[in-house]
Amino acid sequence: MFNYLIRMHLPDRPGALGAVASRIGSVGGDVISIDILQRHDGVVVDELGVGLADDNLIELLRDEVLEVDGVTIESVRSIDGPLPDRNTELLEVATEFFEQHSSLQLLERLATRVHQSLAATYVAVVDLDSSEMVTCVGQPPDPDHLNAVALQSMSPPPYSVEEDGAVATATMIQADKLIIVGRVSPVLRDRERQWIWIMTEIADHGWRGRTPESAGG
């Protein structure tokens, strides 16, 4: 079985998703998961987890889906191993964060988890007092850009910046740290920004439970 995450824009009307699922089934595909990423102006952005018996079928599947009126495909991503399960991942995230022995390990694990979960270009953790980068996974932009993002993130909501969808942030209130997530493509949608915020909140709860000595490093 070959697994794919297919992100598409559908008209927000009854039957649109069913028509897409029917087209996927017509080429032998199996819809394993559906994640509603965003709703806006009569359009729904869905990410479907699809299993195919043969990876050569993906182009045929794409053509079939695009036959549905009003549907466009934003991205198709091949997944090694099982498709993501957010409920299971949430339990794993909570366990991992609370098992970290130092504040730096907690921040490093948070950055790694967000990077993996969102397939991000980079995830940087910045100290809000000093504006210095504490840890990073991936390739971050230059420090001036990171500082500009940090300043912009001070306006609500705390997990959403930049209209082009390339960057999202979340604040660790207890730790006084800012998580900056960048992804070139596809754009970060509302549901993904929420997911970043949830993981950051879990990490911040872990920070809250630490003694002053362990919180210092």
C-alpha atoms as a PDB file:
ATOM      1  CA  MET A   1       0.000   0.000   0.000  1.00  0.00           C
ATOM      2  CA  PHE A   2       1.304   3.454  -0.974  1.00  0.00           C
ATOM      3  CA  ASN A   3       0.084   6.302   1.243  1.00  0.00           C
ATOM      4  CA  TYR A   4      -0.460   9.905   0.182  1.00  0.00           C
ATOM      5  CA  LEU A   5      -1.699  13.128   1.747  1.00  0.00           C
ATOM      6  CA  ILE A   6      -3.722  14.984  -0.859  1.00  0.00           C
ATOM      7  CA  ARG A   7      -4.652  18.569  -0.041  1.00  0.00           C
ATOM      8  CA  MET A   8      -7.509  19.986  -2.077  1.00  0.00           C
ATOM      9  CA  HIS A   9      -9.956  22.888  -2.272  1.00  0.00           C
ATOM     10  CA  LEU A  10     -13.625  21.899  -2.489  1.00  0.00           C
ATOM     11  CA  PRO A  11     -16.837  23.917  -2.765  1.00  0.00           C
ATOM     12  CA  ASP A  12     -18.452  24.077   0.685  1.00  0.00           C
ATOM     13  CA  ARG A  13     -21.620  22.329  -0.418  1.00  0.00           C
ATOM     14  CA  PRO A  14     -23.254  18.958   0.289  1.00  0.00           C
ATOM     15  CA  GLY A  15     -21.977  16.119  -1.866  1.00  0.00           C
ATOM     16  CA  ALA A  16     -18.657  17.654  -2.925  1.00  0.00           C
ATOM     17  CA  LEU A  17     -16.544  15.462  -0.647  1.00  0.00           C
ATOM     18  CA  GLY A  18     -18.614  12.399  -1.529  1.00  0.00           C
ATOM     19  CA  ALA A  19     -17.997  13.026  -5.226  1.00  0.00           C
ATOM     20  CA  VAL A  20     -14.249  13.259  -4.590  1.00  0.00           C
ATOM     21  CA  ALA A  21     -14.279  10.043  -2.540  1.00  0.00           C
ATOM     22  CA  SER A  22     -16.158   8.302  -5.348  1.00  0.00           C
ATOM     23  CA  ARG A  23     -13.534   9.379  -7.874  1.00  0.00           C
ATOM     24  CA  ILE A  24     -10.756   8.118  -5.607  1.00  0.00           C
ATOM     25  CA  GLY A  25     -12.550   4.805  -5.235  1.00  0.00           C
ATOM     26  CA  SER A  26     -12.917   4.502  -9.014  1.00  0.00           C
ATOM     27  CA  VAL A  27      -9.131   4.068  -9.349  1.00  0.00           C
ATOM     28  CA  GLY A  28      -8.912   1.639  -6.450  1.00  0.00           C
ATOM     29  CA  GLY A  29      -7.928   4.249  -3.857  1.00  0.00           C
ATOM     30  CA  ASP A  30      -8.979   4.039  -0.220  1.00  0.00           C
ATOM     31  CA  VAL A  31      -9.764   7.219   1.735  1.00  0.00           C
ATOM     32  CA  ILE A  32      -8.221   6.480   5.146  1.00  0.00           C
ATOM     33  CA  SER A  33      -8.445   9.888   6.828  1.00  0.00           C
ATOM     34  CA  ILE A  34      -9.972  13.323   6.304  1.00  0.00           C
ATOM     35  CA  ASP A  35      -8.683  16.476   7.977  1.00  0.00           C
ATOM     36  CA  ILE A  36     -10.605  19.723   7.509  1.00  0.00           C
ATOM     37  CA  LEU A  37      -7.843  22.346   7.467  1.00  0.00           C
ATOM     38  CA  GLN A  38      -9.785  25.520   6.723  1.00  0.00           C
ATOM     39  CA  ARG A  39     -13.166  26.956   5.722  1.00  0.00           C
ATOM     40  CA  HIS A  40     -13.434  30.370   4.094  1.00  0.00           C
ATOM     41  CA  ASP A  41     -15.703  32.134   1.594  1.00  0.00           C
ATOM     42  CA  GLY A  42     -17.549  29.005   0.504  1.00  0.00           C
ATOM     43  CA  VAL A  43     -14.401  26.916   0.057  1.00  0.00           C
ATOM     44  CA  VAL A  44     -13.167  24.056   2.236  1.00  0.00           C
ATOM     45  CA  VAL A  45      -9.504  23.004   2.323  1.00  0.00           C
ATOM     46  CA  ASP A  46      -9.386  19.285   3.101  1.00  0.00           C
ATOM     47  CA  GLU A  47      -6.399  16.980   3.425  1.00  0.00           C
ATOM     48  CA  LEU A  48      -7.246  13.398   2.574  1.00  0.00           C
ATOM     49  CA  GLY A  49      -5.100  10.451   3.579  1.00  0.00           C
ATOM     50  CA  VAL A  50      -5.337   8.032   0.655  1.00  0.00           C
ATOM     51  CA  GLY A  51      -3.969   4.525   0.195  1.00  0.00           C
ATOM     52  CA  LEU A  52      -3.185   3.220  -3.274  1.00  0.00           C
ATOM     53  CA  ALA A  53      -2.206  -0.295  -4.309  1.00  0.00           C
ATOM     54  CA  ASP A  54       0.250   1.067  -6.912  1.00  0.00           C
ATOM     55  CA  ASP A  55       2.095   4.382  -6.855  1.00  0.00           C
ATOM     56  CA  ASN A  56       1.697   4.606 -10.631  1.00  0.00           C
ATOM     57  CA  LEU A  57      -1.987   5.328 -10.022  1.00  0.00           C
ATOM     58  CA  ILE A  58      -1.420   8.719  -8.393  1.00  0.00           C
ATOM     59  CA  GLU A  59      -1.547  10.702 -11.645  1.00  0.00           C
ATOM     60  CA  LEU A  60      -4.731   8.925 -12.694  1.00  0.00           C
ATOM     61  CA  LEU A  61      -6.211   9.663  -9.271  1.00  0.00           C
ATOM     62  CA  ARG A  62      -5.290  13.332  -9.634  1.00  0.00           C
ATOM     63  CA  ASP A  63      -7.001  13.518 -13.023  1.00  0.00           C
ATOM     64  CA  GLU A  64     -10.131  11.826 -11.681  1.00  0.00           C
ATOM     65  CA  VAL A  65     -10.407  14.167  -8.676  1.00  0.00           C
ATOM     66  CA  LEU A  66     -10.039  17.239 -10.876  1.00  0.00           C
ATOM     67  CA  GLU A  67     -13.091  16.079 -12.854  1.00  0.00           C
ATOM     68  CA  VAL A  68     -15.256  17.048  -9.863  1.00  0.00           C
ATOM     69  CA  ASP A  69     -16.711  20.508 -10.455  1.00  0.00           C
ATOM     70  CA  GLY A  70     -15.015  23.247  -8.433  1.00  0.00           C
ATOM     71  CA  VAL A  71     -12.219  21.044  -7.010  1.00  0.00           C
ATOM     72  CA  THR A  72      -8.543  22.000  -7.215  1.00  0.00           C
ATOM     73  CA  ILE A  73      -5.527  20.183  -5.785  1.00  0.00           C
ATOM     74  CA  GLU A  74      -3.087  22.186  -3.690  1.00  0.00           C
ATOM     75  CA  SER A  75      -0.507  19.477  -2.995  1.00  0.00           C
ATOM     76  CA  VAL A  76       0.177  15.743  -3.107  1.00  0.00           C
ATOM     77  CA  ARG A  77       2.665  14.326  -0.621  1.00  0.00           C
ATOM     78  CA  SER A  78       3.918  10.754  -0.456  1.00  0.00           C
ATOM     79  CA  ILE A  79       4.090   9.373   3.107  1.00  0.00           C
ATOM     80  CA  ASP A  80       6.549   6.715   4.237  1.00  0.00           C
ATOM     81  CA  GLY A  81       4.839   4.409   6.698  1.00  0.00           C
ATOM     82  CA  PRO A  82       1.349   4.899   8.146  1.00  0.00           C
ATOM     83  CA  LEU A  83      -0.672   8.056   7.641  1.00  0.00           C
ATOM     84  CA  PRO A  84      -0.709  10.567  10.540  1.00  0.00           C
ATOM     85  CA  ASP A  85      -3.177   9.975  13.363  1.00  0.00           C
ATOM     86  CA  ARG A  86      -3.518  13.228  15.329  1.00  0.00           C
ATOM     87  CA  ASN A  87      -5.194  11.612  18.350  1.00  0.00           C
ATOM     88  CA  THR A  88      -2.413   9.056  18.761  1.00  0.00           C
ATOM     89  CA  GLU A  89       0.206  11.714  18.100  1.00  0.00           C
ATOM     90  CA  LEU A  90      -1.260  13.930  20.813  1.00  0.00           C
ATOM     91  CA  LEU A  91      -0.710  11.216  23.430  1.00  0.00           C
ATOM     92  CA  GLU A  92       2.824  10.596  22.181  1.00  0.00           C
ATOM     93  CA  VAL A  93       3.620  14.320  22.285  1.00  0.00           C
ATOM     94  CA  ALA A  94       2.386  14.692  25.877  1.00  0.00           C
ATOM     95  CA  THR A  95       4.382  11.659  27.016  1.00  0.00           C
ATOM     96  CA  GLU A  96       7.576  12.757  25.271  1.00  0.00           C
ATOM     97  CA  PHE A  97       7.450  16.316  26.579  1.00  0.00           C
ATOM     98  CA  PHE A  98       6.916  15.328  30.190  1.00  0.00           C
ATOM     99  CA  GLU A  99       9.772  12.797  30.003  1.00  0.00           C
ATOM    100  CA  GLN A 100      12.397  15.441  29.140  1.00  0.00           C
ATOM    101  CA  HIS A 101      14.841  16.068  31.978  1.00  0.00           C
ATOM    102  CA  SER A 102      15.911  19.643  31.210  1.00  0.00           C
ATOM    103  CA  SER A 103      14.350  22.772  29.795  1.00  0.00           C
ATOM    104  CA  LEU A 104      16.644  22.673  26.748  1.00  0.00           C
ATOM    105  CA  GLN A 105      15.696  19.052  26.027  1.00  0.00           C
ATOM    106  CA  LEU A 106      12.030  20.034  26.243  1.00  0.00           C
ATOM    107  CA  LEU A 107      12.490  22.881  23.749  1.00  0.00           C
ATOM    108  CA  GLU A 108      14.549  20.696  21.409  1.00  0.00           C
ATOM    109  CA  ARG A 109      11.922  17.961  21.484  1.00  0.00           C
ATOM    110  CA  LEU A 110       9.139  20.481  20.831  1.00  0.00           C
ATOM    111  CA  ALA A 111      10.997  21.868  17.806  1.00  0.00           C
ATOM    112  CA  THR A 112      11.670  18.364  16.471  1.00  0.00           C
ATOM    113  CA  ARG A 113       8.062  17.243  16.930  1.00  0.00           C
ATOM    114  CA  VAL A 114       6.567  20.315  15.255  1.00  0.00           C
ATOM    115  CA  HIS A 115       9.084  20.005  12.410  1.00  0.00           C
ATOM    116  CA  GLN A 116       8.159  16.364  11.811  1.00  0.00           C
ATOM    117  CA  SER A 117       4.418  16.762  12.249  1.00  0.00           C
ATOM    118  CA  LEU A 118       4.082  19.740   9.907  1.00  0.00           C
ATOM    119  CA  ALA A 119       6.853  18.772   7.462  1.00  0.00           C
ATOM    120  CA  ALA A 120       8.137  22.292   8.138  1.00  0.00           C
ATOM    121  CA  THR A 121      11.063  23.999   6.468  1.00  0.00           C
ATOM    122  CA  TYR A 122      12.279  25.096   9.886  1.00  0.00           C
ATOM    123  CA  VAL A 123      11.178  25.414  13.510  1.00  0.00           C
ATOM    124  CA  ALA A 124      13.042  27.935  15.658  1.00  0.00           C
ATOM    125  CA  VAL A 125      12.681  28.634  19.383  1.00  0.00           C
ATOM    126  CA  VAL A 126      13.464  32.230  20.337  1.00  0.00           C
ATOM    127  CA  ASP A 127      13.871  33.668  23.838  1.00  0.00           C
ATOM    128  CA  LEU A 128      11.492  36.613  24.165  1.00  0.00           C
ATOM    129  CA  ASP A 129      13.698  38.517  26.615  1.00  0.00           C
ATOM    130  CA  SER A 130      16.984  38.339  24.723  1.00  0.00           C
ATOM    131  CA  SER A 131      15.608  37.726  21.190  1.00  0.00           C
ATOM    132  CA  GLU A 132      18.265  35.014  20.849  1.00  0.00           C
ATOM    133  CA  MET A 133      17.537  31.701  19.128  1.00  0.00           C
ATOM    134  CA  VAL A 134      17.635  28.877  21.686  1.00  0.00           C
ATOM    135  CA  THR A 135      17.331  25.932  19.297  1.00  0.00           C
ATOM    136  CA  CYS A 136      16.311  25.230  15.722  1.00  0.00           C
ATOM    137  CA  VAL A 137      15.463  22.294  13.475  1.00  0.00           C
ATOM    138  CA  GLY A 138      15.874  22.827   9.725  1.00  0.00           C
ATOM    139  CA  GLN A 139      17.190  25.892   7.955  1.00  0.00           C
ATOM    140  CA  PRO A 140      15.911  29.174   9.457  1.00  0.00           C
ATOM    141  CA  PRO A 141      15.929  32.539   7.670  1.00  0.00           C
ATOM    142  CA  ASP A 142      18.377  35.254   8.672  1.00  0.00           C
ATOM    143  CA  PRO A 143      18.204  36.657  12.242  1.00  0.00           C
ATOM    144  CA  ASP A 144      16.668  39.961  11.101  1.00  0.00           C
ATOM    145  CA  HIS A 145      13.730  38.114   9.569  1.00  0.00           C
ATOM    146  CA  LEU A 146      13.253  36.009  12.684  1.00  0.00           C
ATOM    147  CA  ASN A 147      13.243  39.153  14.831  1.00  0.00           C
ATOM    148  CA  ALA A 148      10.661  40.762  12.533  1.00  0.00           C
ATOM    149  CA  VAL A 149       8.426  37.694  12.849  1.00  0.00           C
ATOM    150  CA  ALA A 150       8.834  37.744  16.642  1.00  0.00           C
ATOM    151  CA  LEU A 151       7.737  41.393  16.793  1.00  0.00           C
ATOM    152  CA  GLN A 152       4.757  40.755  14.511  1.00  0.00           C
ATOM    153  CA  SER A 153       3.642  37.787  16.612  1.00  0.00           C
ATOM    154  CA  MET A 154       2.975  39.997  19.624  1.00  0.00           C
ATOM    155  CA  SER A 155      -0.423  40.902  18.149  1.00  0.00           C
ATOM    156  CA  PRO A 156      -3.247  38.306  18.553  1.00  0.00           C
ATOM    157  CA  PRO A 157      -3.856  35.532  17.729  1.00  0.00           C
ATOM    158  CA  PRO A 158      -0.546  34.201  19.077  1.00  0.00           C
ATOM    159  CA  TYR A 159      -0.245  31.364  16.573  1.00  0.00           C
ATOM    160  CA  SER A 160      -0.825  33.219  13.292  1.00  0.00           C
ATOM    161  CA  VAL A 161       1.359  35.700  11.422  1.00  0.00           C
ATOM    162  CA  GLU A 162       1.994  36.745   7.814  1.00  0.00           C
ATOM    163  CA  GLU A 163      -0.902  36.713   5.374  1.00  0.00           C
ATOM    164  CA  ASP A 164       0.910  34.507   2.842  1.00  0.00           C
ATOM    165  CA  GLY A 165       0.696  31.540   5.214  1.00  0.00           C
ATOM    166  CA  ALA A 166       4.419  30.805   5.134  1.00  0.00           C
ATOM    167  CA  VAL A 167       5.016  31.378   8.857  1.00  0.00           C
ATOM    168  CA  ALA A 168       3.158  30.598  12.075  1.00  0.00           C
ATOM    169  CA  THR A 169       4.100  31.231  15.697  1.00  0.00           C
ATOM    170  CA  ALA A 170       3.055  30.125  19.152  1.00  0.00           C
ATOM    171  CA  THR A 171       4.092  31.551  22.524  1.00  0.00           C
ATOM    172  CA  MET A 172       5.168  29.604  25.601  1.00  0.00           C
ATOM    173  CA  ILE A 173       3.879  31.932  28.322  1.00  0.00           C
ATOM    174  CA  GLN A 174       5.544  30.166  31.250  1.00  0.00           C
ATOM    175  CA  ALA A 175       8.849  29.679  29.453  1.00  0.00           C
ATOM    176  CA  ASP A 176       8.828  33.127  27.824  1.00  0.00           C
ATOM    177  CA  LYS A 177       9.745  31.559  24.496  1.00  0.00           C
ATOM    178  CA  LEU A 178       8.404  31.970  20.978  1.00  0.00           C
ATOM    179  CA  ILE A 179       8.067  29.068  18.543  1.00  0.00           C
ATOM    180  CA  ILE A 180       8.458  30.158  14.908  1.00  0.00           C
ATOM    181  CA  VAL A 181       7.434  27.685  12.204  1.00  0.00           C
ATOM    182  CA  GLY A 182       8.190  28.241   8.534  1.00  0.00           C
ATOM    183  CA  ARG A 183       7.107  26.146   5.577  1.00  0.00           C
ATOM    184  CA  VAL A 184       7.609  26.992   1.930  1.00  0.00           C
ATOM    185  CA  SER A 185       4.798  24.819   0.544  1.00  0.00           C
ATOM    186  CA  PRO A 186       1.965  24.159   1.018  1.00  0.00           C
ATOM    187  CA  VAL A 187       0.831  27.159   3.045  1.00  0.00           C
ATOM    188  CA  LEU A 188       0.057  26.676   6.731  1.00  0.00           C
ATOM    189  CA  ARG A 189      -3.691  26.396   7.193  1.00  0.00           C
ATOM    190  CA  ASP A 190      -5.876  27.255  10.213  1.00  0.00           C
ATOM    191  CA  ARG A 191      -6.027  23.678  11.483  1.00  0.00           C
ATOM    192  CA  GLU A 192      -2.226  23.340  11.285  1.00  0.00           C
ATOM    193  CA  ARG A 193      -1.691  26.611  13.129  1.00  0.00           C
ATOM    194  CA  GLN A 194      -4.012  25.287  15.811  1.00  0.00           C
ATOM    195  CA  TRP A 195      -1.981  22.082  15.994  1.00  0.00           C
ATOM    196  CA  ILE A 196       1.227  24.085  16.497  1.00  0.00           C
ATOM    197  CA  TRP A 197      -0.467  25.999  19.292  1.00  0.00           C
ATOM    198  CA  ILE A 198      -1.683  22.779  20.969  1.00  0.00           C
ATOM    199  CA  MET A 199       1.790  21.185  20.965  1.00  0.00           C
ATOM    200  CA  THR A 200       3.301  24.395  22.314  1.00  0.00           C
ATOM    201  CA  GLU A 201       0.681  24.573  25.080  1.00  0.00           C
ATOM    202  CA  ILE A 202       1.494  20.998  26.139  1.00  0.00           C
ATOM    203  CA  ALA A 203       5.195  21.857  26.287  1.00  0.00           C
ATOM    204  CA  ASP A 204       4.446  25.001  28.291  1.00  0.00           C
ATOM    205  CA  HIS A 205       2.459  22.958  30.822  1.00  0.00           C
ATOM    206  CA  GLY A 206       5.515  20.738  31.161  1.00  0.00           C
ATOM    207  CA  TRP A 207       7.639  23.817  31.774  1.00  0.00           C
ATOM    208  CA  ARG A 208       5.186  25.035  34.421  1.00  0.00           C
ATOM    209  CA  GLY A 209       5.682  21.833  36.408  1.00  0.00           C
ATOM    210  CA  ARG A 210       9.452  22.214  36.633  1.00  0.00           C
ATOM    211  CA  THR A 211      11.379  23.468  39.615  1.00  0.00           C
ATOM    212  CA  PRO A 212      13.373  26.724  39.202  1.00  0.00           C
ATOM    213  CA  GLU A 213      16.589  24.668  39.054  1.00  0.00           C
ATOM    214  CA  SER A 214      15.398  22.394  36.249  1.00  0.00           C
ATOM    215  CA  ALA A 215      13.817  25.288  34.354  1.00  0.00           C
ATOM    216  CA  GLY A 216      17.188  26.971  34.180  1.00  0.00           C
ATOM    217  CA  GLY A 217      18.652  24.307  31.933  1.00  0.00           C
END
